[in-house]
Amino acid sequence: AGLKYLKEASDNSGLQTVTEIMDAQMLSNEYLNKLDIIQVGTRNFQNYTLLDALGKIDKPIILKRGTWGTLDEILGACERILEGGNNKISICLRGVVGGPSYRHIFPSTRWMPDLMMIPALKKFTNIPIIYDPSHATGLREFVVPVSKAALAIGADGLIVEVHPDPQNSVSDPDQAIGLSELEEIKNLY
């Protein structure tokens, strides 16, 4: 039912739709005809059956880095899609585990920003890099500054969680930014 609503929103606004596909079986025409861009979530970053199937379709793919993914693993996941013939791919970095914890200061910080991976990937590939400061920081007050940093070191774009009333967002209210912060980020371009 959600895909139907996404398609209606797209038709009414002219905006493209992006949604996460979690299983290769979801790549039927029923799904594909209702969306413009497919997102592979961090938990499916190394779902080889899914990545191989995505290589055989003609839709743009946003591949979100697994929170543990090394440079080689990111490039390997991309290669699985590229080998199937689909070169409409971008990499989305969204924070990693295993770094120094900021929980003693900010209890809701879940991940560590992985900004250094932007220039590292740029050294080995020309695949566009999107940065997700919302997930990388987990806190709204860090989204704008980390967005600035990501763009300054070469990110090709950003994906941020935005809500007109962030505190009342059903999804991730601590990291969702408001419309004024979105405007500040838009002005960076």
N, C-alpha and C. Protein backbone atom coordinates (compact mmCIF):
# COMPACT_ATOMS: atom_id res chain seq x y z
N ALA A 1 0.83 -1.20 0.00
CA ALA A 1 0.00 0.00 0.00
C ALA A 1 0.86 1.25 0.00
N GLY A 2 2.01 1.18 0.67
CA GLY A 2 2.91 2.33 0.74
C GLY A 2 3.42 2.75 -0.62
N LEU A 3 3.67 1.77 -1.49
CA LEU A 3 4.15 2.10 -2.84
C LEU A 3 3.10 2.87 -3.63
N LYS A 4 1.84 2.52 -3.41
CA LYS A 4 0.75 3.24 -4.08
C LYS A 4 0.77 4.72 -3.66
N TYR A 5 0.96 4.96 -2.37
CA TYR A 5 1.01 6.34 -1.87
C TYR A 5 2.23 7.08 -2.39
N LEU A 6 3.37 6.39 -2.45
CA LEU A 6 4.58 7.01 -3.01
C LEU A 6 4.35 7.41 -4.46
N LYS A 7 3.74 6.53 -5.23
CA LYS A 7 3.48 6.81 -6.64
C LYS A 7 2.54 8.00 -6.79
N GLU A 8 1.49 8.05 -5.97
CA GLU A 8 0.56 9.19 -6.01
C GLU A 8 1.29 10.49 -5.66
N ALA A 9 2.13 10.45 -4.64
CA ALA A 9 2.89 11.64 -4.25
C ALA A 9 3.82 12.07 -5.36
N SER A 10 4.45 11.12 -6.02
CA SER A 10 5.33 11.43 -7.13
C SER A 10 4.57 12.05 -8.29
N ASP A 11 3.44 11.45 -8.63
CA ASP A 11 2.62 11.98 -9.74
C ASP A 11 2.13 13.39 -9.44
N ASN A 12 1.78 13.67 -8.18
CA ASN A 12 1.26 14.98 -7.81
C ASN A 12 2.34 16.04 -7.67
N SER A 13 3.54 15.63 -7.30
CA SER A 13 4.60 16.61 -7.03
C SER A 13 5.65 16.72 -8.13
N GLY A 14 5.77 15.67 -8.93
CA GLY A 14 6.83 15.64 -9.93
C GLY A 14 8.17 15.17 -9.36
N LEU A 15 8.20 14.87 -8.07
CA LEU A 15 9.42 14.38 -7.44
C LEU A 15 9.59 12.88 -7.69
N GLN A 16 10.84 12.44 -7.73
CA GLN A 16 11.09 11.01 -7.88
C GLN A 16 10.92 10.31 -6.55
N THR A 17 10.59 9.02 -6.62
CA THR A 17 10.40 8.22 -5.42
C THR A 17 11.61 7.34 -5.18
N VAL A 18 11.94 7.17 -3.90
CA VAL A 18 13.00 6.28 -3.47
C VAL A 18 12.42 5.41 -2.37
N THR A 19 12.65 4.11 -2.46
CA THR A 19 12.25 3.25 -1.37
C THR A 19 13.22 2.10 -1.25
N GLU A 20 13.27 1.53 -0.06
CA GLU A 20 14.19 0.43 0.20
C GLU A 20 13.58 -0.88 -0.25
N ILE A 21 14.38 -1.66 -0.94
CA ILE A 21 14.01 -3.02 -1.32
C ILE A 21 14.89 -3.95 -0.49
N MET A 22 14.28 -4.91 0.18
CA MET A 22 15.04 -5.76 1.09
C MET A 22 15.25 -7.17 0.58
N ASP A 23 14.60 -7.51 -0.53
CA ASP A 23 14.66 -8.88 -1.00
C ASP A 23 14.57 -8.89 -2.52
N ALA A 24 15.32 -9.75 -3.17
CA ALA A 24 15.31 -9.83 -4.63
C ALA A 24 13.92 -10.17 -5.17
N GLN A 25 13.12 -10.85 -4.39
CA GLN A 25 11.76 -11.19 -4.82
C GLN A 25 10.87 -9.96 -4.96
N MET A 26 11.27 -8.85 -4.36
CA MET A 26 10.48 -7.62 -4.46
C MET A 26 10.75 -6.87 -5.76
N LEU A 27 11.63 -7.39 -6.60
CA LEU A 27 11.98 -6.71 -7.84
C LEU A 27 11.06 -7.09 -8.99
N SER A 28 9.80 -7.23 -8.70
CA SER A 28 8.80 -7.52 -9.73
C SER A 28 8.32 -6.20 -10.35
N ASN A 29 7.68 -6.29 -11.50
CA ASN A 29 7.14 -5.09 -12.15
C ASN A 29 6.15 -4.37 -11.26
N GLU A 30 5.45 -5.11 -10.41
CA GLU A 30 4.49 -4.49 -9.48
C GLU A 30 5.19 -3.42 -8.63
N TYR A 31 6.39 -3.71 -8.18
CA TYR A 31 7.16 -2.75 -7.39
C TYR A 31 7.90 -1.76 -8.28
N LEU A 32 8.58 -2.28 -9.27
CA LEU A 32 9.46 -1.44 -10.09
C LEU A 32 8.71 -0.34 -10.82
N ASN A 33 7.47 -0.57 -11.21
CA ASN A 33 6.69 0.44 -11.93
C ASN A 33 6.22 1.57 -11.04
N LYS A 34 6.35 1.41 -9.73
CA LYS A 34 5.86 2.42 -8.79
C LYS A 34 6.97 3.24 -8.14
N LEU A 35 8.21 2.97 -8.51
CA LEU A 35 9.30 3.74 -7.89
C LEU A 35 10.35 4.08 -8.93
N ASP A 36 11.12 5.12 -8.61
CA ASP A 36 12.14 5.62 -9.53
C ASP A 36 13.54 5.16 -9.14
N ILE A 37 13.80 5.11 -7.85
CA ILE A 37 15.13 4.80 -7.35
C ILE A 37 14.99 3.75 -6.25
N ILE A 38 15.90 2.77 -6.26
CA ILE A 38 15.88 1.72 -5.25
C ILE A 38 17.01 1.97 -4.26
N GLN A 39 16.67 1.88 -2.99
CA GLN A 39 17.68 2.00 -1.94
C GLN A 39 17.94 0.62 -1.35
N VAL A 40 19.22 0.29 -1.20
CA VAL A 40 19.63 -0.91 -0.48
C VAL A 40 20.04 -0.44 0.91
N GLY A 41 19.33 -0.88 1.92
CA GLY A 41 19.62 -0.45 3.28
C GLY A 41 20.88 -1.07 3.83
N THR A 42 21.36 -0.51 4.91
CA THR A 42 22.61 -0.94 5.51
C THR A 42 22.60 -2.42 5.88
N ARG A 43 21.45 -2.96 6.26
CA ARG A 43 21.38 -4.37 6.65
C ARG A 43 21.46 -5.31 5.45
N ASN A 44 21.24 -4.80 4.25
CA ASN A 44 21.31 -5.62 3.04
C ASN A 44 22.52 -5.29 2.18
N PHE A 45 23.44 -4.56 2.74
CA PHE A 45 24.65 -4.12 2.06
C PHE A 45 25.43 -5.28 1.44
N GLN A 46 25.39 -6.44 2.06
CA GLN A 46 26.07 -7.61 1.52
C GLN A 46 25.10 -8.75 1.24
N ASN A 47 23.89 -8.41 0.86
CA ASN A 47 22.90 -9.40 0.43
C ASN A 47 23.18 -9.66 -1.04
N TYR A 48 24.03 -10.64 -1.31
CA TYR A 48 24.53 -10.86 -2.66
C TYR A 48 23.43 -11.23 -3.65
N THR A 49 22.43 -11.95 -3.21
CA THR A 49 21.32 -12.29 -4.10
C THR A 49 20.63 -11.01 -4.56
N LEU A 50 20.39 -10.11 -3.64
CA LEU A 50 19.76 -8.83 -3.97
C LEU A 50 20.66 -7.99 -4.87
N LEU A 51 21.93 -7.86 -4.51
CA LEU A 51 22.86 -7.05 -5.31
C LEU A 51 22.97 -7.58 -6.74
N ASP A 52 23.06 -8.90 -6.88
CA ASP A 52 23.14 -9.49 -8.22
C ASP A 52 21.88 -9.19 -9.03
N ALA A 53 20.72 -9.28 -8.38
CA ALA A 53 19.45 -9.00 -9.07
C ALA A 53 19.36 -7.53 -9.47
N LEU A 54 19.85 -6.64 -8.62
CA LEU A 54 19.81 -5.20 -8.93
C LEU A 54 20.70 -4.88 -10.13
N GLY A 55 21.71 -5.67 -10.36
CA GLY A 55 22.56 -5.47 -11.52
C GLY A 55 21.86 -5.72 -12.84
N LYS A 56 20.75 -6.43 -12.78
CA LYS A 56 20.03 -6.81 -14.01
C LYS A 56 18.85 -5.89 -14.33
N ILE A 57 18.63 -4.88 -13.51
CA ILE A 57 17.50 -3.99 -13.79
C ILE A 57 18.01 -2.61 -14.20
N ASP A 58 17.14 -1.82 -14.77
CA ASP A 58 17.51 -0.50 -15.28
C ASP A 58 16.90 0.60 -14.40
N LYS A 59 17.29 0.59 -13.14
CA LYS A 59 16.84 1.61 -12.19
C LYS A 59 18.06 2.09 -11.41
N PRO A 60 18.10 3.38 -11.05
CA PRO A 60 19.19 3.85 -10.19
C PRO A 60 19.12 3.19 -8.81
N ILE A 61 20.31 2.93 -8.26
CA ILE A 61 20.44 2.26 -6.97
C ILE A 61 21.22 3.17 -6.02
N ILE A 62 20.71 3.32 -4.80
CA ILE A 62 21.46 3.94 -3.71
C ILE A 62 21.87 2.81 -2.78
N LEU A 63 23.16 2.54 -2.71
CA LEU A 63 23.70 1.48 -1.87
C LEU A 63 24.19 2.08 -0.56
N LYS A 64 23.46 1.82 0.53
CA LYS A 64 23.88 2.35 1.83
C LYS A 64 24.94 1.44 2.43
N ARG A 65 26.01 2.05 2.88
CA ARG A 65 27.11 1.30 3.48
C ARG A 65 26.65 0.59 4.75
N GLY A 66 27.02 -0.67 4.86
CA GLY A 66 26.83 -1.37 6.12
C GLY A 66 27.67 -0.67 7.18
N THR A 67 27.21 -0.64 8.40
CA THR A 67 27.90 0.13 9.44
C THR A 67 29.27 -0.41 9.77
N TRP A 68 29.62 -1.53 9.19
CA TRP A 68 30.93 -2.15 9.41
C TRP A 68 31.77 -2.16 8.15
N GLY A 69 31.20 -1.77 7.01
CA GLY A 69 31.80 -1.97 5.69
C GLY A 69 33.15 -1.29 5.49
N THR A 70 34.13 -2.07 5.07
CA THR A 70 35.44 -1.52 4.75
C THR A 70 35.41 -0.96 3.32
N LEU A 71 36.47 -0.29 2.94
CA LEU A 71 36.58 0.24 1.58
C LEU A 71 36.43 -0.88 0.56
N ASP A 72 37.14 -1.98 0.76
CA ASP A 72 37.05 -3.10 -0.18
C ASP A 72 35.65 -3.69 -0.22
N GLU A 73 34.98 -3.77 0.92
CA GLU A 73 33.63 -4.33 0.94
C GLU A 73 32.64 -3.41 0.23
N ILE A 74 32.80 -2.11 0.37
CA ILE A 74 31.93 -1.16 -0.34
C ILE A 74 32.12 -1.32 -1.84
N LEU A 75 33.37 -1.32 -2.28
CA LEU A 75 33.66 -1.45 -3.70
C LEU A 75 33.21 -2.81 -4.22
N GLY A 76 33.34 -3.84 -3.41
CA GLY A 76 32.89 -5.17 -3.81
C GLY A 76 31.38 -5.24 -3.98
N ALA A 77 30.64 -4.60 -3.09
CA ALA A 77 29.18 -4.57 -3.21
C ALA A 77 28.76 -3.84 -4.48
N CYS A 78 29.44 -2.73 -4.77
CA CYS A 78 29.17 -1.99 -6.00
C CYS A 78 29.48 -2.85 -7.22
N GLU A 79 30.58 -3.57 -7.15
CA GLU A 79 31.00 -4.40 -8.28
C GLU A 79 29.96 -5.46 -8.62
N ARG A 80 29.31 -6.01 -7.61
CA ARG A 80 28.28 -7.03 -7.87
C ARG A 80 27.14 -6.44 -8.70
N ILE A 81 26.77 -5.19 -8.41
CA ILE A 81 25.70 -4.54 -9.18
C ILE A 81 26.22 -4.18 -10.57
N LEU A 82 27.41 -3.62 -10.64
CA LEU A 82 27.98 -3.21 -11.92
C LEU A 82 28.19 -4.40 -12.86
N GLU A 83 28.60 -5.54 -12.32
CA GLU A 83 28.83 -6.72 -13.16
C GLU A 83 27.56 -7.19 -13.85
N GLY A 84 26.42 -6.91 -13.27
CA GLY A 84 25.15 -7.29 -13.89
C GLY A 84 24.74 -6.35 -15.01
N GLY A 85 25.44 -5.23 -15.15
CA GLY A 85 25.15 -4.29 -16.22
C GLY A 85 24.52 -2.98 -15.78
N ASN A 86 24.18 -2.85 -14.52
CA ASN A 86 23.56 -1.61 -14.03
C ASN A 86 24.65 -0.68 -13.51
N ASN A 87 24.88 0.42 -14.21
CA ASN A 87 25.88 1.39 -13.75
C ASN A 87 25.25 2.63 -13.15
N LYS A 88 23.96 2.56 -12.86
CA LYS A 88 23.25 3.68 -12.23
C LYS A 88 23.27 3.48 -10.72
N ILE A 89 24.43 3.68 -10.15
CA ILE A 89 24.61 3.37 -8.74
C ILE A 89 25.27 4.56 -8.03
N SER A 90 24.88 4.76 -6.80
CA SER A 90 25.56 5.71 -5.93
C SER A 90 25.76 5.04 -4.58
N ILE A 91 26.77 5.48 -3.87
CA ILE A 91 27.10 4.95 -2.55
C ILE A 91 26.63 5.96 -1.51
N CYS A 92 25.96 5.48 -0.48
CA CYS A 92 25.52 6.36 0.60
C CYS A 92 26.23 5.95 1.88
N LEU A 93 27.02 6.86 2.42
CA LEU A 93 27.70 6.65 3.69
C LEU A 93 26.82 7.17 4.81
N ARG A 94 26.75 6.42 5.92
CA ARG A 94 25.78 6.75 6.96
C ARG A 94 26.26 6.48 8.38
N GLY A 95 27.57 6.56 8.58
CA GLY A 95 28.12 6.35 9.91
C GLY A 95 28.54 4.90 10.12
N VAL A 96 29.46 4.71 11.04
CA VAL A 96 30.00 3.38 11.30
C VAL A 96 29.99 3.07 12.79
N VAL A 97 30.14 1.78 13.10
CA VAL A 97 30.32 1.35 14.47
C VAL A 97 31.81 1.17 14.72
N GLY A 98 32.19 1.08 15.96
CA GLY A 98 33.56 0.75 16.28
C GLY A 98 34.48 1.93 16.55
N GLY A 99 33.99 3.14 16.38
CA GLY A 99 34.82 4.31 16.66
C GLY A 99 34.68 4.72 18.11
N PRO A 100 35.28 5.83 18.47
CA PRO A 100 35.14 6.31 19.86
C PRO A 100 33.69 6.66 20.14
N SER A 101 33.24 6.27 21.28
CA SER A 101 31.85 6.52 21.65
C SER A 101 31.67 7.93 22.19
N TYR A 102 30.59 8.56 21.76
CA TYR A 102 30.23 9.88 22.27
C TYR A 102 29.06 9.76 23.24
N ARG A 103 28.73 8.53 23.61
CA ARG A 103 27.55 8.30 24.44
C ARG A 103 27.67 8.92 25.83
N HIS A 104 28.88 9.15 26.31
CA HIS A 104 29.03 9.76 27.63
C HIS A 104 28.58 11.22 27.61
N ILE A 105 28.53 11.83 26.41
CA ILE A 105 28.09 13.21 26.28
C ILE A 105 26.70 13.28 25.67
N PHE A 106 26.49 12.48 24.62
CA PHE A 106 25.22 12.47 23.89
C PHE A 106 24.69 11.03 23.87
N PRO A 107 23.85 10.67 24.82
CA PRO A 107 23.42 9.28 24.97
C PRO A 107 22.75 8.67 23.73
N SER A 108 22.17 9.48 22.85
CA SER A 108 21.46 8.89 21.72
C SER A 108 22.32 8.77 20.47
N THR A 109 23.59 9.16 20.53
CA THR A 109 24.45 9.01 19.37
C THR A 109 24.71 7.53 19.15
N ARG A 110 24.32 7.04 17.98
CA ARG A 110 24.42 5.61 17.71
C ARG A 110 25.65 5.25 16.90
N TRP A 111 26.07 6.14 16.01
CA TRP A 111 27.13 5.82 15.06
C TRP A 111 28.22 6.89 15.14
N MET A 112 29.26 6.68 14.38
CA MET A 112 30.33 7.66 14.28
C MET A 112 30.40 8.13 12.83
N PRO A 113 30.42 9.43 12.57
CA PRO A 113 30.53 9.90 11.19
C PRO A 113 31.77 9.31 10.50
N ASP A 114 31.59 8.92 9.27
CA ASP A 114 32.65 8.27 8.49
C ASP A 114 33.09 9.16 7.32
N LEU A 115 33.36 10.41 7.65
CA LEU A 115 33.68 11.40 6.61
C LEU A 115 34.93 11.06 5.80
N MET A 116 35.92 10.43 6.41
CA MET A 116 37.16 10.13 5.68
C MET A 116 36.92 9.15 4.54
N MET A 117 35.82 8.39 4.60
CA MET A 117 35.55 7.43 3.53
C MET A 117 35.20 8.14 2.22
N ILE A 118 34.75 9.39 2.28
CA ILE A 118 34.41 10.11 1.04
C ILE A 118 35.65 10.26 0.16
N PRO A 119 36.74 10.90 0.63
CA PRO A 119 37.91 11.00 -0.25
C PRO A 119 38.56 9.64 -0.52
N ALA A 120 38.44 8.70 0.42
CA ALA A 120 39.01 7.37 0.18
C ALA A 120 38.32 6.71 -1.00
N LEU A 121 37.01 6.76 -1.06
CA LEU A 121 36.27 6.17 -2.19
C LEU A 121 36.56 6.93 -3.48
N LYS A 122 36.63 8.25 -3.39
CA LYS A 122 36.90 9.06 -4.58
C LYS A 122 38.24 8.69 -5.22
N LYS A 123 39.16 8.20 -4.41
CA LYS A 123 40.47 7.81 -4.93
C LYS A 123 40.37 6.58 -5.84
N PHE A 124 39.37 5.72 -5.60
CA PHE A 124 39.29 4.44 -6.30
C PHE A 124 38.11 4.30 -7.25
N THR A 125 37.16 5.22 -7.22
CA THR A 125 35.98 5.07 -8.06
C THR A 125 35.41 6.43 -8.41
N ASN A 126 34.66 6.47 -9.50
CA ASN A 126 33.94 7.70 -9.85
C ASN A 126 32.45 7.56 -9.57
N ILE A 127 32.08 6.55 -8.80
CA ILE A 127 30.68 6.38 -8.39
C ILE A 127 30.32 7.54 -7.46
N PRO A 128 29.17 8.19 -7.70
CA PRO A 128 28.77 9.31 -6.83
C PRO A 128 28.62 8.87 -5.36
N ILE A 129 29.03 9.75 -4.47
CA ILE A 129 28.97 9.50 -3.03
C ILE A 129 27.93 10.44 -2.41
N ILE A 130 26.95 9.84 -1.78
CA ILE A 130 25.93 10.58 -1.03
C ILE A 130 26.24 10.39 0.45
N TYR A 131 26.08 11.45 1.23
CA TYR A 131 26.33 11.34 2.66
C TYR A 131 25.03 11.52 3.43
N ASP A 132 24.83 10.71 4.47
CA ASP A 132 23.63 10.76 5.30
C ASP A 132 24.02 11.23 6.71
N PRO A 133 24.03 12.56 6.93
CA PRO A 133 24.41 13.07 8.24
C PRO A 133 23.38 12.80 9.33
N SER A 134 22.14 12.52 8.95
CA SER A 134 21.11 12.22 9.94
C SER A 134 21.44 10.93 10.67
N HIS A 135 21.73 9.86 9.91
CA HIS A 135 22.07 8.60 10.54
C HIS A 135 23.49 8.59 11.09
N ALA A 136 24.39 9.29 10.42
CA ALA A 136 25.79 9.30 10.86
C ALA A 136 25.95 9.94 12.23
N THR A 137 25.08 10.87 12.57
CA THR A 137 25.21 11.57 13.86
C THR A 137 24.12 11.17 14.85
N GLY A 138 22.91 10.94 14.35
CA GLY A 138 21.81 10.58 15.23
C GLY A 138 21.20 11.73 15.99
N LEU A 139 21.75 12.93 15.83
CA LEU A 139 21.23 14.09 16.56
C LEU A 139 21.09 15.28 15.63
N ARG A 140 19.93 15.91 15.67
CA ARG A 140 19.60 17.01 14.77
C ARG A 140 20.62 18.14 14.80
N GLU A 141 21.16 18.47 15.98
CA GLU A 141 22.07 19.62 16.05
C GLU A 141 23.39 19.39 15.31
N PHE A 142 23.69 18.16 14.97
CA PHE A 142 24.92 17.86 14.23
C PHE A 142 24.69 17.74 12.73
N VAL A 143 23.46 17.67 12.28
CA VAL A 143 23.18 17.39 10.87
C VAL A 143 23.72 18.49 9.95
N VAL A 144 23.46 19.74 10.27
CA VAL A 144 23.93 20.83 9.40
C VAL A 144 25.46 20.92 9.39
N PRO A 145 26.15 20.92 10.55
CA PRO A 145 27.61 21.01 10.48
C PRO A 145 28.26 19.82 9.78
N VAL A 146 27.74 18.61 9.99
CA VAL A 146 28.33 17.44 9.33
C VAL A 146 27.99 17.47 7.83
N SER A 147 26.85 18.03 7.47
CA SER A 147 26.53 18.21 6.04
C SER A 147 27.57 19.11 5.38
N LYS A 148 27.90 20.20 6.06
CA LYS A 148 28.91 21.12 5.53
C LYS A 148 30.25 20.41 5.35
N ALA A 149 30.63 19.63 6.34
CA ALA A 149 31.91 18.91 6.28
C ALA A 149 31.91 17.90 5.14
N ALA A 150 30.81 17.17 4.98
CA ALA A 150 30.73 16.16 3.92
C ALA A 150 30.85 16.79 2.55
N LEU A 151 30.18 17.89 2.33
CA LEU A 151 30.26 18.58 1.04
C LEU A 151 31.64 19.17 0.82
N ALA A 152 32.25 19.67 1.89
CA ALA A 152 33.58 20.29 1.77
C ALA A 152 34.64 19.28 1.35
N ILE A 153 34.47 18.01 1.73
CA ILE A 153 35.50 17.03 1.38
C ILE A 153 35.11 16.15 0.20
N GLY A 154 34.03 16.54 -0.51
CA GLY A 154 33.78 15.90 -1.78
C GLY A 154 32.49 15.11 -1.96
N ALA A 155 31.61 15.08 -0.99
CA ALA A 155 30.34 14.37 -1.20
C ALA A 155 29.60 14.98 -2.38
N ASP A 156 28.99 14.13 -3.18
CA ASP A 156 28.24 14.59 -4.35
C ASP A 156 26.81 14.98 -4.01
N GLY A 157 26.35 14.58 -2.84
CA GLY A 157 25.00 14.91 -2.43
C GLY A 157 24.76 14.47 -1.00
N LEU A 158 23.60 14.82 -0.49
CA LEU A 158 23.22 14.49 0.89
C LEU A 158 21.84 13.86 0.89
N ILE A 159 21.61 13.02 1.87
CA ILE A 159 20.27 12.53 2.16
C ILE A 159 20.03 12.81 3.64
N VAL A 160 19.00 13.59 3.93
CA VAL A 160 18.73 13.98 5.32
C VAL A 160 17.27 13.71 5.66
N GLU A 161 17.04 13.45 6.93
CA GLU A 161 15.67 13.26 7.40
C GLU A 161 15.11 14.62 7.78
N VAL A 162 13.98 14.97 7.18
CA VAL A 162 13.36 16.28 7.39
C VAL A 162 11.89 16.08 7.76
N HIS A 163 11.43 16.90 8.66
CA HIS A 163 10.02 16.86 9.08
C HIS A 163 9.60 18.28 9.46
N PRO A 164 8.38 18.69 9.11
CA PRO A 164 7.95 20.05 9.48
C PRO A 164 7.93 20.29 10.99
N ASP A 165 7.77 19.22 11.77
CA ASP A 165 7.78 19.30 13.23
C ASP A 165 8.63 18.15 13.75
N PRO A 166 9.96 18.30 13.68
CA PRO A 166 10.86 17.17 13.93
C PRO A 166 10.63 16.43 15.25
N GLN A 167 10.33 17.15 16.32
CA GLN A 167 10.13 16.50 17.62
C GLN A 167 8.97 15.52 17.59
N ASN A 168 8.03 15.72 16.68
CA ASN A 168 6.86 14.85 16.59
C ASN A 168 6.91 13.90 15.40
N SER A 169 8.07 13.77 14.80
CA SER A 169 8.25 12.82 13.69
C SER A 169 8.08 11.40 14.21
N VAL A 170 7.38 10.59 13.46
CA VAL A 170 7.20 9.19 13.83
C VAL A 170 8.52 8.43 13.68
N SER A 171 9.32 8.83 12.70
CA SER A 171 10.57 8.15 12.40
C SER A 171 11.76 9.00 12.86
N ASP A 172 12.56 8.47 13.75
CA ASP A 172 13.81 9.10 14.19
C ASP A 172 13.68 10.58 14.54
N PRO A 173 12.85 10.93 15.52
CA PRO A 173 12.65 12.34 15.84
C PRO A 173 13.92 13.05 16.35
N ASP A 174 14.87 12.32 16.93
CA ASP A 174 16.08 12.96 17.44
C ASP A 174 17.00 13.45 16.32
N GLN A 175 16.93 12.81 15.16
CA GLN A 175 17.84 13.17 14.08
C GLN A 175 17.16 13.92 12.94
N ALA A 176 15.84 13.99 12.94
CA ALA A 176 15.14 14.72 11.88
C ALA A 176 15.35 16.22 12.08
N ILE A 177 15.60 16.91 10.97
CA ILE A 177 15.75 18.36 11.03
C ILE A 177 14.47 19.03 10.55
N GLY A 178 14.35 20.31 10.85
CA GLY A 178 13.20 21.08 10.42
C GLY A 178 13.44 21.73 9.07
N LEU A 179 12.44 22.45 8.59
CA LEU A 179 12.52 23.08 7.28
C LEU A 179 13.56 24.20 7.24
N SER A 180 13.76 24.91 8.36
CA SER A 180 14.77 25.98 8.36
C SER A 180 16.18 25.40 8.23
N GLU A 181 16.44 24.27 8.88
CA GLU A 181 17.75 23.62 8.72
C GLU A 181 17.93 23.08 7.31
N LEU A 182 16.85 22.58 6.72
CA LEU A 182 16.92 22.11 5.33
C LEU A 182 17.28 23.27 4.41
N GLU A 183 16.69 24.42 4.64
CA GLU A 183 17.00 25.60 3.83
C GLU A 183 18.47 25.98 3.97
N GLU A 184 19.00 25.89 5.20
CA GLU A 184 20.42 26.19 5.43
C GLU A 184 21.31 25.22 4.64
N ILE A 185 20.94 23.95 4.61
CA ILE A 185 21.70 22.97 3.84
C ILE A 185 21.57 23.23 2.34
N LYS A 186 20.37 23.55 1.89
CA LYS A 186 20.18 23.84 0.45
C LYS A 186 21.04 25.00 0.00
N ASN A 187 21.26 25.96 0.88
CA ASN A 187 22.06 27.13 0.54
C ASN A 187 23.56 26.81 0.43
N LEU A 188 23.95 25.61 0.84
CA LEU A 188 25.35 25.19 0.72
C LEU A 188 25.71 24.88 -0.73
N TYR A 189 24.71 24.57 -1.54
CA TYR A 189 24.96 24.17 -2.94
C TYR A 189 25.16 25.36 -3.83
